[in-house]
PDB file of N, CA and C in Angstrom:
ATOM      1  N   MET A   1      -4.284   6.419 -13.817  1.00  0.00           N
ATOM      2  CA  MET A   1      -3.649   6.295 -14.352  1.00  0.00           C
ATOM      3  C   MET A   1      -3.212   4.499 -13.673  1.00  0.00           C
ATOM      4  N   SER A   2      -3.500   3.684 -12.175  1.00  0.00           N
ATOM      5  CA  SER A   2      -3.221   3.141 -11.896  1.00  0.00           C
ATOM      6  C   SER A   2      -4.079   1.899 -12.182  1.00  0.00           C
ATOM      7  N   GLN A   3      -5.154   2.510 -11.558  1.00  0.00           N
ATOM      8  CA  GLN A   3      -6.460   1.471 -11.950  1.00  0.00           C
ATOM      9  C   GLN A   3      -6.851   1.429 -13.555  1.00  0.00           C
ATOM     10  N   ASP A   4      -6.330   2.065 -14.573  1.00  0.00           N
ATOM     11  CA  ASP A   4      -6.564   1.975 -15.699  1.00  0.00           C
ATOM     12  C   ASP A   4      -5.830   1.208 -16.429  1.00  0.00           C
ATOM     13  N   ILE A   5      -4.531   1.015 -15.571  1.00  0.00           N
ATOM     14  CA  ILE A   5      -3.004  -0.103 -16.008  1.00  0.00           C
ATOM     15  C   ILE A   5      -3.564  -0.957 -15.607  1.00  0.00           C
ATOM     16  N   ALA A   6      -3.719  -1.748 -14.095  1.00  0.00           N
ATOM     17  CA  ALA A   6      -4.433  -2.572 -13.778  1.00  0.00           C
ATOM     18  C   ALA A   6      -5.758  -3.019 -14.563  1.00  0.00           C
ATOM     19  N   GLU A   7      -6.551  -2.617 -14.722  1.00  0.00           N
ATOM     20  CA  GLU A   7      -7.890  -3.024 -16.022  1.00  0.00           C
ATOM     21  C   GLU A   7      -7.118  -3.600 -16.957  1.00  0.00           C
ATOM     22  N   ARG A   8      -6.321  -3.105 -17.840  1.00  0.00           N
ATOM     23  CA  ARG A   8      -6.016  -3.221 -18.993  1.00  0.00           C
ATOM     24  C   ARG A   8      -5.276  -4.702 -19.128  1.00  0.00           C
ATOM     25  N   HIS A   9      -4.647  -4.897 -17.562  1.00  0.00           N
ATOM     26  CA  HIS A   9      -3.950  -5.889 -17.608  1.00  0.00           C
ATOM     27  C   HIS A   9      -4.568  -7.375 -16.460  1.00  0.00           C
ATOM     28  N   GLY A  10      -5.917  -6.871 -16.608  1.00  0.00           N
ATOM     29  CA  GLY A  10      -6.824  -8.496 -15.603  1.00  0.00           C
ATOM     30  C   GLY A  10      -6.281  -8.018 -14.073  1.00  0.00           C
ATOM     31  N   ALA A  11      -5.554  -7.227 -13.431  1.00  0.00           N
ATOM     32  CA  ALA A  11      -5.399  -7.268 -12.132  1.00  0.00           C
ATOM     33  C   ALA A  11      -6.185  -6.083 -11.045  1.00  0.00           C
ATOM     34  N   ALA A  12      -6.312  -6.650 -10.030  1.00  0.00           N
ATOM     35  CA  ALA A  12      -7.079  -6.006  -9.267  1.00  0.00           C
ATOM     36  C   ALA A  12      -6.714  -5.018  -8.661  1.00  0.00           C
ATOM     37  N   PHE A  13      -7.385  -4.180  -8.449  1.00  0.00           N
ATOM     38  CA  PHE A  13      -7.150  -2.741  -8.024  1.00  0.00           C
ATOM     39  C   PHE A  13      -8.385  -2.477  -6.844  1.00  0.00           C
ATOM     40  N   TYR A  14      -7.603  -1.822  -5.524  1.00  0.00           N
ATOM     41  CA  TYR A  14      -8.267  -1.243  -5.140  1.00  0.00           C
ATOM     42  C   TYR A  14      -7.871   0.286  -4.159  1.00  0.00           C
ATOM     43  N   ARG A  15      -8.450   1.128  -4.133  1.00  0.00           N
ATOM     44  CA  ARG A  15      -8.817   2.398  -3.798  1.00  0.00           C
ATOM     45  C   ARG A  15      -8.884   2.632  -2.036  1.00  0.00           C
ATOM     46  N   SER A  16      -7.603   2.947  -1.459  1.00  0.00           N
ATOM     47  CA  SER A  16      -7.797   3.515   0.131  1.00  0.00           C
ATOM     48  C   SER A  16      -8.542   4.266   0.394  1.00  0.00           C
ATOM     49  N   ALA A  17      -8.438   5.226   1.831  1.00  0.00           N
ATOM     50  CA  ALA A  17      -8.376   6.379   2.210  1.00  0.00           C
ATOM     51  C   ALA A  17      -7.398   6.706   2.000  1.00  0.00           C
ATOM     52  N   VAL A  18      -6.966   8.156   1.938  1.00  0.00           N
ATOM     53  CA  VAL A  18      -5.398   8.719   2.119  1.00  0.00           C
ATOM     54  C   VAL A  18      -4.598   8.444   3.085  1.00  0.00           C
ATOM     55  N   GLY A  19      -3.315   8.465   2.941  1.00  0.00           N
ATOM     56  CA  GLY A  19      -2.714   8.338   4.235  1.00  0.00           C
ATOM     57  C   GLY A  19      -1.896   6.836   4.002  1.00  0.00           C
ATOM     58  N   GLU A  20      -0.308   7.092   3.859  1.00  0.00           N
ATOM     59  CA  GLU A  20       0.041   5.869   4.073  1.00  0.00           C
ATOM     60  C   GLU A  20      -0.110   4.584   4.523  1.00  0.00           C
ATOM     61  N   ALA A  21      -0.797   4.981   5.945  1.00  0.00           N
ATOM     62  CA  ALA A  21      -1.190   3.186   6.813  1.00  0.00           C
ATOM     63  C   ALA A  21      -2.231   3.022   6.267  1.00  0.00           C
ATOM     64  N   ASN A  22      -3.391   4.073   5.529  1.00  0.00           N
ATOM     65  CA  ASN A  22      -4.257   3.591   5.227  1.00  0.00           C
ATOM     66  C   ASN A  22      -4.532   2.465   3.965  1.00  0.00           C
ATOM     67  N   VAL A  23      -2.915   3.020   3.018  1.00  0.00           N
ATOM     68  CA  VAL A  23      -2.839   1.927   2.372  1.00  0.00           C
ATOM     69  C   VAL A  23      -2.123   1.316   2.063  1.00  0.00           C
ATOM     70  N   VAL A  24      -1.615   0.698   3.188  1.00  0.00           N
ATOM     71  CA  VAL A  24      -0.339  -0.420   3.963  1.00  0.00           C
ATOM     72  C   VAL A  24      -1.794  -1.406   4.064  1.00  0.00           C
ATOM     73  N   GLU A  25      -2.094  -0.365   5.085  1.00  0.00           N
ATOM     74  CA  GLU A  25      -3.335  -1.518   5.887  1.00  0.00           C
ATOM     75  C   GLU A  25      -4.492  -2.340   4.795  1.00  0.00           C
ATOM     76  N   LEU A  26      -4.888  -1.147   3.746  1.00  0.00           N
ATOM     77  CA  LEU A  26      -6.028  -2.442   2.312  1.00  0.00           C
ATOM     78  C   LEU A  26      -4.919  -3.154   1.896  1.00  0.00           C
ATOM     79  N   MET A  27      -3.503  -2.815   1.627  1.00  0.00           N
ATOM     80  CA  MET A  27      -2.760  -3.865   0.675  1.00  0.00           C
ATOM     81  C   MET A  27      -2.355  -5.535   1.948  1.00  0.00           C
ATOM     82  N   GLN A  28      -2.300  -5.004   2.970  1.00  0.00           N
ATOM     83  CA  GLN A  28      -2.371  -6.010   3.741  1.00  0.00           C
ATOM     84  C   GLN A  28      -3.367  -6.899   3.704  1.00  0.00           C
ATOM     85  N   ALA A  29      -4.634  -6.528   3.952  1.00  0.00           N
ATOM     86  CA  ALA A  29      -5.891  -7.271   3.416  1.00  0.00           C
ATOM     87  C   ALA A  29      -6.074  -7.974   2.244  1.00  0.00           C
ATOM     88  N   HIS A  30      -5.851  -7.599   1.868  1.00  0.00           N
ATOM     89  CA  HIS A  30      -5.785  -8.117   0.332  1.00  0.00           C
ATOM     90  C   HIS A  30      -4.682  -8.560  -0.740  1.00  0.00           C
ATOM     91  N   GLY A  31      -3.751  -8.559  -0.002  1.00  0.00           N
ATOM     92  CA  GLY A  31      -2.578  -9.116  -0.375  1.00  0.00           C
ATOM     93  C   GLY A  31      -2.047  -8.878  -1.355  1.00  0.00           C
ATOM     94  N   ALA A  32      -2.131  -7.511  -1.347  1.00  0.00           N
ATOM     95  CA  ALA A  32      -1.653  -6.906  -2.690  1.00  0.00           C
ATOM     96  C   ALA A  32       0.018  -6.814  -3.027  1.00  0.00           C
ATOM     97  N   LEU A  33       0.144  -6.918  -4.366  1.00  0.00           N
ATOM     98  CA  LEU A  33       1.862  -6.928  -4.711  1.00  0.00           C
ATOM     99  C   LEU A  33       2.266  -5.561  -4.803  1.00  0.00           C
ATOM    100  N   LEU A  34       1.787  -4.422  -4.726  1.00  0.00           N
ATOM    101  CA  LEU A  34       2.377  -3.362  -5.181  1.00  0.00           C
ATOM    102  C   LEU A  34       1.359  -2.002  -4.988  1.00  0.00           C
ATOM    103  N   GLY A  35       1.804  -1.018  -3.711  1.00  0.00           N
ATOM    104  CA  GLY A  35       0.707  -0.058  -3.588  1.00  0.00           C
ATOM    105  C   GLY A  35       1.506   1.400  -3.854  1.00  0.00           C
ATOM    106  N   GLY A  36       0.604   2.103  -3.272  1.00  0.00           N
ATOM    107  CA  GLY A  36       1.343   3.735  -3.597  1.00  0.00           C
ATOM    108  C   GLY A  36       0.465   4.651  -3.184  1.00  0.00           C
ATOM    109  N   GLU A  37       0.932   6.194  -2.983  1.00  0.00           N
ATOM    110  CA  GLU A  37      -0.076   6.939  -3.049  1.00  0.00           C
ATOM    111  C   GLU A  37      -0.242   8.159  -4.579  1.00  0.00           C
ATOM    112  N   GLY A  38      -0.742   9.666  -4.037  1.00  0.00           N
ATOM    113  CA  GLY A  38      -1.067  10.002  -5.516  1.00  0.00           C
ATOM    114  C   GLY A  38       0.367  10.704  -5.068  1.00  0.00           C
ATOM    115  N   ASN A  39       0.709  10.974  -4.354  1.00  0.00           N
ATOM    116  CA  ASN A  39       2.266  11.160  -4.769  1.00  0.00           C
ATOM    117  C   ASN A  39       2.879  10.968  -5.410  1.00  0.00           C
ATOM    118  N   GLY A  40       3.108   9.684  -5.584  1.00  0.00           N
ATOM    119  CA  GLY A  40       4.092   8.575  -6.814  1.00  0.00           C
ATOM    120  C   GLY A  40       5.113   8.151  -5.803  1.00  0.00           C
ATOM    121  N   GLY A  41       4.547   7.895  -4.127  1.00  0.00           N
ATOM    122  CA  GLY A  41       5.043   7.011  -3.770  1.00  0.00           C
ATOM    123  C   GLY A  41       4.786   5.609  -3.476  1.00  0.00           C
ATOM    124  N   VAL A  42       5.681   4.826  -3.622  1.00  0.00           N
ATOM    125  CA  VAL A  42       5.795   3.197  -3.869  1.00  0.00           C
ATOM    126  C   VAL A  42       5.594   2.320  -3.063  1.00  0.00           C
ATOM    127  N   ILE A  43       5.184   1.452  -2.633  1.00  0.00           N
ATOM    128  CA  ILE A  43       4.756   0.622  -1.340  1.00  0.00           C
ATOM    129  C   ILE A  43       5.009  -1.013  -2.121  1.00  0.00           C
ATOM    130  N   ASP A  44       6.330  -1.517  -1.802  1.00  0.00           N
ATOM    131  CA  ASP A  44       6.420  -2.398  -2.478  1.00  0.00           C
ATOM    132  C   ASP A  44       7.011  -3.633  -1.248  1.00  0.00           C
ATOM    133  N   PRO A  45       5.830  -4.330  -0.886  1.00  0.00           N
ATOM    134  CA  PRO A  45       6.048  -5.352   0.104  1.00  0.00           C
ATOM    135  C   PRO A  45       7.247  -6.465   0.676  1.00  0.00           C
ATOM    136  N   ARG A  46       7.438  -6.367  -0.791  1.00  0.00           N
ATOM    137  CA  ARG A  46       9.217  -7.458  -0.646  1.00  0.00           C
ATOM    138  C   ARG A  46      10.287  -6.409  -0.275  1.00  0.00           C
ATOM    139  N   VAL A  47      10.236  -4.926  -0.063  1.00  0.00           N
ATOM    140  CA  VAL A  47      11.148  -3.539   0.631  1.00  0.00           C
ATOM    141  C   VAL A  47      10.503  -3.569   2.037  1.00  0.00           C
ATOM    142  N   GLY A  48       9.546  -3.510   2.221  1.00  0.00           N
ATOM    143  CA  GLY A  48       8.593  -3.085   3.193  1.00  0.00           C
ATOM    144  C   GLY A  48       7.352  -2.542   3.373  1.00  0.00           C
ATOM    145  N   TYR A  49       6.782  -2.319   4.132  1.00  0.00           N
ATOM    146  CA  TYR A  49       5.239  -1.741   4.220  1.00  0.00           C
ATOM    147  C   TYR A  49       5.309   0.091   4.236  1.00  0.00           C
ATOM    148  N   ILE A  50       5.888   0.676   3.452  1.00  0.00           N
ATOM    149  CA  ILE A  50       6.740   1.831   3.747  1.00  0.00           C
ATOM    150  C   ILE A  50       6.457   2.408   2.305  1.00  0.00           C
ATOM    151  N   ARG A  51       6.517   3.748   1.974  1.00  0.00           N
ATOM    152  CA  ARG A  51       6.592   4.556   0.669  1.00  0.00           C
ATOM    153  C   ARG A  51       8.263   4.264   0.801  1.00  0.00           C
ATOM    154  N   ASP A  52       8.903   3.984  -0.586  1.00  0.00           N
ATOM    155  CA  ASP A  52      10.199   4.170  -0.642  1.00  0.00           C
ATOM    156  C   ASP A  52      10.711   4.235  -2.092  1.00  0.00           C
ATOM    157  N   SER A  53      11.273   5.576  -2.428  1.00  0.00           N
ATOM    158  CA  SER A  53      11.706   5.965  -3.543  1.00  0.00           C
ATOM    159  C   SER A  53      12.542   4.691  -4.380  1.00  0.00           C
ATOM    160  N   PHE A  54      13.779   4.427  -3.432  1.00  0.00           N
ATOM    161  CA  PHE A  54      14.576   3.567  -3.871  1.00  0.00           C
ATOM    162  C   PHE A  54      13.558   1.819  -4.535  1.00  0.00           C
ATOM    163  N   ALA A  55      12.799   1.843  -3.692  1.00  0.00           N
ATOM    164  CA  ALA A  55      11.952   0.864  -4.609  1.00  0.00           C
ATOM    165  C   ALA A  55      11.332   1.428  -5.768  1.00  0.00           C
ATOM    166  N   GLY A  56      10.969   2.535  -5.862  1.00  0.00           N
ATOM    167  CA  GLY A  56      10.106   3.134  -7.329  1.00  0.00           C
ATOM    168  C   GLY A  56      11.830   2.738  -7.802  1.00  0.00           C
ATOM    169  N   MET A  57      12.322   3.611  -7.752  1.00  0.00           N
ATOM    170  CA  MET A  57      13.616   3.628  -8.812  1.00  0.00           C
ATOM    171  C   MET A  57      13.793   2.637  -9.008  1.00  0.00           C
ATOM    172  N   ALA A  58      14.208   1.137  -7.950  1.00  0.00           N
ATOM    173  CA  ALA A  58      14.428   0.064  -8.745  1.00  0.00           C
ATOM    174  C   ALA A  58      13.494  -0.657  -9.922  1.00  0.00           C
ATOM    175  N   LEU A  59      11.756  -0.467  -9.417  1.00  0.00           N
ATOM    176  CA  LEU A  59      11.629  -1.169 -10.364  1.00  0.00           C
ATOM    177  C   LEU A  59      11.634  -0.389 -11.742  1.00  0.00           C
ATOM    178  N   LEU A  60      11.561   0.810 -11.576  1.00  0.00           N
ATOM    179  CA  LEU A  60      11.688   1.370 -13.153  1.00  0.00           C
ATOM    180  C   LEU A  60      12.830   1.170 -13.916  1.00  0.00           C
ATOM    181  N   LEU A  61      14.325   1.081 -13.176  1.00  0.00           N
ATOM    182  CA  LEU A  61      15.265   0.392 -14.030  1.00  0.00           C
ATOM    183  C   LEU A  61      15.129  -0.731 -14.500  1.00  0.00           C
ATOM    184  N   ASP A  62      14.267  -1.820 -13.437  1.00  0.00           N
ATOM    185  CA  ASP A  62      14.182  -3.081 -14.153  1.00  0.00           C
ATOM    186  C   ASP A  62      12.997  -3.193 -15.384  1.00  0.00           C
ATOM    187  N   ALA A  63      12.414  -2.348 -15.297  1.00  0.00           N
ATOM    188  CA  ALA A  63      11.567  -2.285 -16.595  1.00  0.00           C
ATOM    189  C   ALA A  63      12.274  -1.635 -17.296  1.00  0.00           C
ATOM    190  N   MET A  64      13.197  -0.739 -17.762  1.00  0.00           N
ATOM    191  CA  MET A  64      14.142  -0.146 -18.407  1.00  0.00           C
ATOM    192  C   MET A  64      15.052  -1.681 -19.192  1.00  0.00           C
ATOM    193  N   ALA A  65      15.634  -2.204 -17.975  1.00  0.00           N
ATOM    194  CA  ALA A  65      16.433  -3.242 -18.411  1.00  0.00           C
ATOM    195  C   ALA A  65      15.778  -4.394 -19.368  1.00  0.00           C
ATOM    196  N   GLY A  66      15.086  -4.870 -18.641  1.00  0.00           N
ATOM    197  CA  GLY A  66      14.225  -5.947 -18.760  1.00  0.00           C
ATOM    198  C   GLY A  66      13.526  -5.649 -20.604  1.00  0.00           C
ATOM    199  N   ARG A  67      12.899  -4.382 -20.835  1.00  0.00           N
ATOM    200  CA  ARG A  67      12.666  -4.083 -22.147  1.00  0.00           C
ATOM    201  C   ARG A  67      13.339  -3.575 -23.014  1.00  0.00           C
ATOM    202  N   ASP A  68      14.782  -3.387 -22.190  1.00  0.00           N
ATOM    203  CA  ASP A  68      15.798  -2.650 -23.196  1.00  0.00           C
ATOM    204  C   ASP A  68      15.197  -1.344 -23.640  1.00  0.00           C
ATOM    205  N   LEU A  69      14.614  -0.281 -22.893  1.00  0.00           N
ATOM    206  CA  LEU A  69      14.387   0.897 -23.606  1.00  0.00           C
ATOM    207  C   LEU A  69      14.123   1.964 -22.736  1.00  0.00           C
ATOM    208  N   PRO A  70      14.606   3.011 -22.999  1.00  0.00           N
ATOM    209  CA  PRO A  70      14.651   4.104 -22.493  1.00  0.00           C
ATOM    210  C   PRO A  70      13.763   4.606 -21.753  1.00  0.00           C
ATOM    211  N   VAL A  71      13.727   5.659 -20.579  1.00  0.00           N
ATOM    212  CA  VAL A  71      12.046   6.171 -19.875  1.00  0.00           C
ATOM    213  C   VAL A  71      11.151   6.433 -20.577  1.00  0.00           C
ATOM    214  N   SER A  72      12.232   7.436 -21.175  1.00  0.00           N
ATOM    215  CA  SER A  72      11.281   8.431 -22.572  1.00  0.00           C
ATOM    216  C   SER A  72      10.315   7.440 -23.331  1.00  0.00           C
ATOM    217  N   ARG A  73      10.604   6.100 -23.640  1.00  0.00           N
ATOM    218  CA  ARG A  73       9.859   4.876 -24.637  1.00  0.00           C
ATOM    219  C   ARG A  73       8.542   4.629 -23.684  1.00  0.00           C
ATOM    220  N   LEU A  74       9.234   3.927 -22.013  1.00  0.00           N
ATOM    221  CA  LEU A  74       8.399   3.934 -21.266  1.00  0.00           C
ATOM    222  C   LEU A  74       7.222   4.789 -21.080  1.00  0.00           C
ATOM    223  N   ALA A  75       7.567   6.099 -20.704  1.00  0.00           N
ATOM    224  CA  ALA A  75       6.582   7.127 -20.707  1.00  0.00           C
ATOM    225  C   ALA A  75       5.434   7.042 -21.569  1.00  0.00           C
ATOM    226  N   ASP A  76       5.838   6.494 -22.817  1.00  0.00           N
ATOM    227  CA  ASP A  76       4.969   7.021 -23.728  1.00  0.00           C
ATOM    228  C   ASP A  76       4.034   5.834 -23.907  1.00  0.00           C
ATOM    229  N   GLU A  77       4.052   4.931 -23.654  1.00  0.00           N
ATOM    230  CA  GLU A  77       2.995   3.949 -23.324  1.00  0.00           C
ATOM    231  C   GLU A  77       1.698   4.042 -22.156  1.00  0.00           C
ATOM    232  N   LEU A  78       2.299   4.966 -21.512  1.00  0.00           N
ATOM    233  CA  LEU A  78       1.116   5.342 -20.056  1.00  0.00           C
ATOM    234  C   LEU A  78       0.112   6.057 -20.309  1.00  0.00           C
ATOM    235  N   PRO A  79      -1.018   6.379 -20.413  1.00  0.00           N
ATOM    236  CA  PRO A  79      -2.061   6.624 -20.711  1.00  0.00           C
ATOM    237  C   PRO A  79      -1.700   8.265 -20.436  1.00  0.00           C
ATOM    238  N   ARG A  80      -2.678   8.972 -20.938  1.00  0.00           N
ATOM    239  CA  ARG A  80      -2.350  10.316 -21.188  1.00  0.00           C
ATOM    240  C   ARG A  80      -3.514  11.109 -20.192  1.00  0.00           C
ATOM    241  N   TYR A  81      -3.468  11.935 -19.101  1.00  0.00           N
ATOM    242  CA  TYR A  81      -4.573  12.280 -18.579  1.00  0.00           C
ATOM    243  C   TYR A  81      -4.303  13.968 -18.410  1.00  0.00           C
ATOM    244  N   GLU A  82      -5.192  14.808 -18.611  1.00  0.00           N
ATOM    245  CA  GLU A  82      -5.333  16.305 -17.991  1.00  0.00           C
ATOM    246  C   GLU A  82      -6.506  16.370 -16.938  1.00  0.00           C
ATOM    247  N   ILE A  83      -5.394  17.581 -16.128  1.00  0.00           N
ATOM    248  CA  ILE A  83      -6.206  18.063 -14.842  1.00  0.00           C
ATOM    249  C   ILE A  83      -6.670  19.435 -15.236  1.00  0.00           C
ATOM    250  N   GLU A  84      -7.841  19.650 -15.357  1.00  0.00           N
ATOM    251  CA  GLU A  84      -8.110  20.961 -15.272  1.00  0.00           C
ATOM    252  C   GLU A  84      -8.981  21.630 -13.596  1.00  0.00           C
ATOM    253  N   LYS A  85      -8.137  22.544 -13.566  1.00  0.00           N
ATOM    254  CA  LYS A  85      -8.459  23.123 -12.119  1.00  0.00           C
ATOM    255  C   LYS A  85      -9.042  24.192 -12.409  1.00  0.00           C
ATOM    256  N   THR A  86      -9.941  25.018 -12.148  1.00  0.00           N
ATOM    257  CA  THR A  86     -11.143  26.150 -11.632  1.00  0.00           C
ATOM    258  C   THR A  86     -11.184  27.025 -10.136  1.00  0.00           C
ATOM    259  N   LYS A  87     -10.905  28.058 -10.021  1.00  0.00           N
ATOM    260  CA  LYS A  87     -11.085  28.740  -8.985  1.00  0.00           C
ATOM    261  C   LYS A  87     -12.371  29.280  -8.627  1.00  0.00           C
ATOM    262  N   VAL A  88     -12.882  29.229  -8.083  1.00  0.00           N
ATOM    263  CA  VAL A  88     -14.066  29.873  -7.442  1.00  0.00           C
ATOM    264  C   VAL A  88     -14.596  30.381  -6.503  1.00  0.00           C
ATOM    265  N   THR A  89     -14.539  31.890  -6.199  1.00  0.00           N
ATOM    266  CA  THR A  89     -14.621  33.065  -5.445  1.00  0.00           C
ATOM    267  C   THR A  89     -16.407  32.991  -4.616  1.00  0.00           C
ATOM    268  N   LEU A  90     -16.280  32.712  -3.770  1.00  0.00           N
ATOM    269  CA  LEU A  90     -17.739  32.611  -3.101  1.00  0.00           C
ATOM    270  C   LEU A  90     -17.634  33.815  -1.809  1.00  0.00           C
ATOM    271  N   ASP A  91     -18.761  34.506  -1.748  1.00  0.00           N
ATOM    272  CA  ASP A  91     -18.442  35.368  -0.692  1.00  0.00           C
ATOM    273  C   ASP A  91     -18.877  34.593   0.670  1.00  0.00           C
ATOM    274  N   ARG A  92     -18.140  35.620   1.824  1.00  0.00           N
ATOM    275  CA  ARG A  92     -17.883  35.044   2.812  1.00  0.00           C
ATOM    276  C   ARG A  92     -19.330  35.018   3.652  1.00  0.00           C
ATOM    277  N   GLU A  93     -19.989  35.417   3.532  1.00  0.00           N
ATOM    278  CA  GLU A  93     -21.545  35.071   4.032  1.00  0.00           C
ATOM    279  C   GLU A  93     -21.803  33.869   3.776  1.00  0.00           C
ATOM    280  N   LYS A  94     -22.024  33.197   2.480  1.00  0.00           N
ATOM    281  CA  LYS A  94     -22.386  31.905   1.465  1.00  0.00           C
ATOM    282  C   LYS A  94     -21.847  30.787   2.140  1.00  0.00           C
ATOM    283  N   LEU A  95     -20.765  31.069   2.761  1.00  0.00           N
ATOM    284  CA  LEU A  95     -19.778  29.911   3.257  1.00  0.00           C
ATOM    285  C   LEU A  95     -20.326  29.480   4.661  1.00  0.00           C
ATOM    286  N   PRO A  96     -20.383  27.763   4.830  1.00  0.00           N
ATOM    287  CA  PRO A  96     -20.737  27.391   6.012  1.00  0.00           C
ATOM    288  C   PRO A  96     -20.465  27.643   7.370  1.00  0.00           C
ATOM    289  N   ALA A  97     -21.111  27.817   8.426  1.00  0.00           N
ATOM    290  CA  ALA A  97     -20.927  28.302   9.681  1.00  0.00           C
ATOM    291  C   ALA A  97     -19.054  27.514  10.003  1.00  0.00           C
ATOM    292  N   GLY A  98     -18.534  28.328  10.647  1.00  0.00           N
ATOM    293  CA  GLY A  98     -17.170  27.274  11.389  1.00  0.00           C
ATOM    294  C   GLY A  98     -16.126  27.940   9.844  1.00  0.00           C
ATOM    295  N   CYS A  99     -16.740  28.309   9.025  1.00  0.00           N
ATOM    296  CA  CYS A  99     -15.812  28.599   7.742  1.00  0.00           C
ATOM    297  C   CYS A  99     -14.893  30.101   7.457  1.00  0.00           C
ATOM    298  N   VAL A 100     -14.905  30.721   8.402  1.00  0.00           N
ATOM    299  CA  VAL A 100     -14.563  32.169   8.468  1.00  0.00           C
ATOM    300  C   VAL A 100     -13.332  32.382   8.382  1.00  0.00           C
ATOM    301  N   THR A 101     -11.889  31.593   8.338  1.00  0.00           N
ATOM    302  CA  THR A 101     -10.956  31.564   8.193  1.00  0.00           C
ATOM    303  C   THR A 101     -10.156  30.919   6.772  1.00  0.00           C
ATOM    304  N   ARG A 102      -9.113  31.705   6.798  1.00  0.00           N
ATOM    305  CA  ARG A 102      -8.584  31.024   5.312  1.00  0.00           C
ATOM    306  C   ARG A 102      -7.866  30.075   5.555  1.00  0.00           C
ATOM    307  N   ARG A 103      -7.909  29.262   6.669  1.00  0.00           N
ATOM    308  CA  ARG A 103      -7.295  28.101   6.675  1.00  0.00           C
ATOM    309  C   ARG A 103      -8.413  27.090   7.296  1.00  0.00           C
ATOM    310  N   ALA A 104      -9.687  27.325   8.030  1.00  0.00           N
ATOM    311  CA  ALA A 104     -10.381  26.507   8.330  1.00  0.00           C
ATOM    312  C   ALA A 104     -10.921  25.508   6.959  1.00  0.00           C
ATOM    313  N   ARG A 105     -10.804  24.104   6.987  1.00  0.00           N
ATOM    314  CA  ARG A 105     -11.294  22.893   6.458  1.00  0.00           C
ATOM    315  C   ARG A 105     -12.599  23.045   6.649  1.00  0.00           C
ATOM    316  N   CYS A 106     -12.947  22.883   5.283  1.00  0.00           N
ATOM    317  CA  CYS A 106     -15.426  22.775   5.784  1.00  0.00           C
ATOM    318  C   CYS A 106     -15.042  21.906   4.523  1.00  0.00           C
ATOM    319  N   CYS A 107     -15.826  20.792   4.624  1.00  0.00           N
ATOM    320  CA  CYS A 107     -16.928  20.070   4.028  1.00  0.00           C
ATOM    321  C   CYS A 107     -18.568  20.014   4.091  1.00  0.00           C
TER     322      CYS A 107
END
């Protein structure tokens, strides 16, 4: 969604590796005005290079006040997306070596 909105407004968009430290590093390298993570955490360098829920709330309240709209109307303007999740069952014999425990991370 962030990428689509940035492109709609002609703003640059950068994607980093997962993790706050990676997001911050990329933001600093490009002089980004705002950053965040998929979990919704907002990083506003005017406040600090750290996820800050209060900064996110302040930005939302500022948008509501500046446009004199309730949050529901602002949300209505956002693009809609759907996530389809599928579960696949695999036989243990077909898993790569080292993926024999439930908690093992395999790629």
